[in-house]
């Protein structure tokens, strides 16, 4: 995944990418993918 490569050290990335402005589109997409199911999980569990 492109987003992971930008921030995971094992893929050559760095968490500093989250301090960039404008946040890269690949990071935004990765984060959306992480949280899009949380409301439904809250309702089910």
C-alpha atoms as a PDB file:
ATOM      1  CA  UNK A   1       0.000   0.000   0.000  1.00  0.00           C
ATOM      2  CA  UNK A   2       1.368   3.430  -0.942  1.00  0.00           C
ATOM      3  CA  UNK A   3       0.383   5.021   2.380  1.00  0.00           C
ATOM      4  CA  UNK A   4       2.250   2.421   4.416  1.00  0.00           C
ATOM      5  CA  UNK A   5       5.424   2.974   2.426  1.00  0.00           C
ATOM      6  CA  UNK A   6       5.346   6.642   3.387  1.00  0.00           C
ATOM      7  CA  UNK A   7       5.303   6.110   7.161  1.00  0.00           C
ATOM      8  CA  UNK A   8       6.395   2.579   8.081  1.00  0.00           C
ATOM      9  CA  UNK A   9      10.097   2.407   8.851  1.00  0.00           C
ATOM     10  CA  UNK A  10      10.309  -1.150   7.519  1.00  0.00           C
ATOM     11  CA  UNK A  11       9.293   0.212   4.133  1.00  0.00           C
ATOM     12  CA  UNK A  12      11.693   3.164   4.260  1.00  0.00           C
ATOM     13  CA  UNK A  13       9.142   5.692   5.513  1.00  0.00           C
ATOM     14  CA  UNK A  14       8.868   7.929   8.570  1.00  0.00           C
ATOM     15  CA  UNK A  15       6.097   9.162  10.865  1.00  0.00           C
ATOM     16  CA  UNK A  16       7.269  12.685   9.987  1.00  0.00           C
ATOM     17  CA  UNK A  17       5.037  12.398   6.920  1.00  0.00           C
ATOM     18  CA  UNK A  18       2.092  13.177   9.243  1.00  0.00           C
ATOM     19  CA  UNK A  19       3.656  16.589  10.009  1.00  0.00           C
ATOM     20  CA  UNK A  20       3.732  17.633   6.351  1.00  0.00           C
ATOM     21  CA  UNK A  21       1.235  20.173   5.072  1.00  0.00           C
ATOM     22  CA  UNK A  22      -0.521  19.378   2.725  1.00  0.00           C
ATOM     23  CA  UNK A  23      -0.794  15.820   4.000  1.00  0.00           C
ATOM     24  CA  UNK A  24      -0.038  13.549   1.049  1.00  0.00           C
ATOM     25  CA  UNK A  25      -3.147  12.085  -0.605  1.00  0.00           C
ATOM     26  CA  UNK A  26      -1.816   8.548  -0.112  1.00  0.00           C
ATOM     27  CA  UNK A  27      -1.706   9.116   3.664  1.00  0.00           C
ATOM     28  CA  UNK A  28      -5.250  10.523   3.694  1.00  0.00           C
ATOM     29  CA  UNK A  29      -6.508   7.494   1.766  1.00  0.00           C
ATOM     30  CA  UNK A  30      -4.695   5.128   4.118  1.00  0.00           C
ATOM     31  CA  UNK A  31      -6.213   6.812   7.189  1.00  0.00           C
ATOM     32  CA  UNK A  32      -9.715   6.770   5.712  1.00  0.00           C
ATOM     33  CA  UNK A  33      -9.287   3.056   5.092  1.00  0.00           C
ATOM     34  CA  UNK A  34      -8.357   2.563   8.747  1.00  0.00           C
ATOM     35  CA  UNK A  35     -11.384   4.349  10.200  1.00  0.00           C
ATOM     36  CA  UNK A  36     -14.227   3.902   7.710  1.00  0.00           C
ATOM     37  CA  UNK A  37     -15.565   0.792   9.450  1.00  0.00           C
ATOM     38  CA  UNK A  38     -15.266   2.015  13.053  1.00  0.00           C
ATOM     39  CA  UNK A  39     -18.854   3.348  13.398  1.00  0.00           C
ATOM     40  CA  UNK A  40     -20.302   0.004  12.285  1.00  0.00           C
ATOM     41  CA  UNK A  41     -17.975  -1.902  14.612  1.00  0.00           C
ATOM     42  CA  UNK A  42     -19.117   0.291  17.496  1.00  0.00           C
ATOM     43  CA  UNK A  43     -22.746  -0.524  16.690  1.00  0.00           C
ATOM     44  CA  UNK A  44     -22.086  -4.260  16.490  1.00  0.00           C
ATOM     45  CA  UNK A  45     -19.862  -4.670  19.526  1.00  0.00           C
END
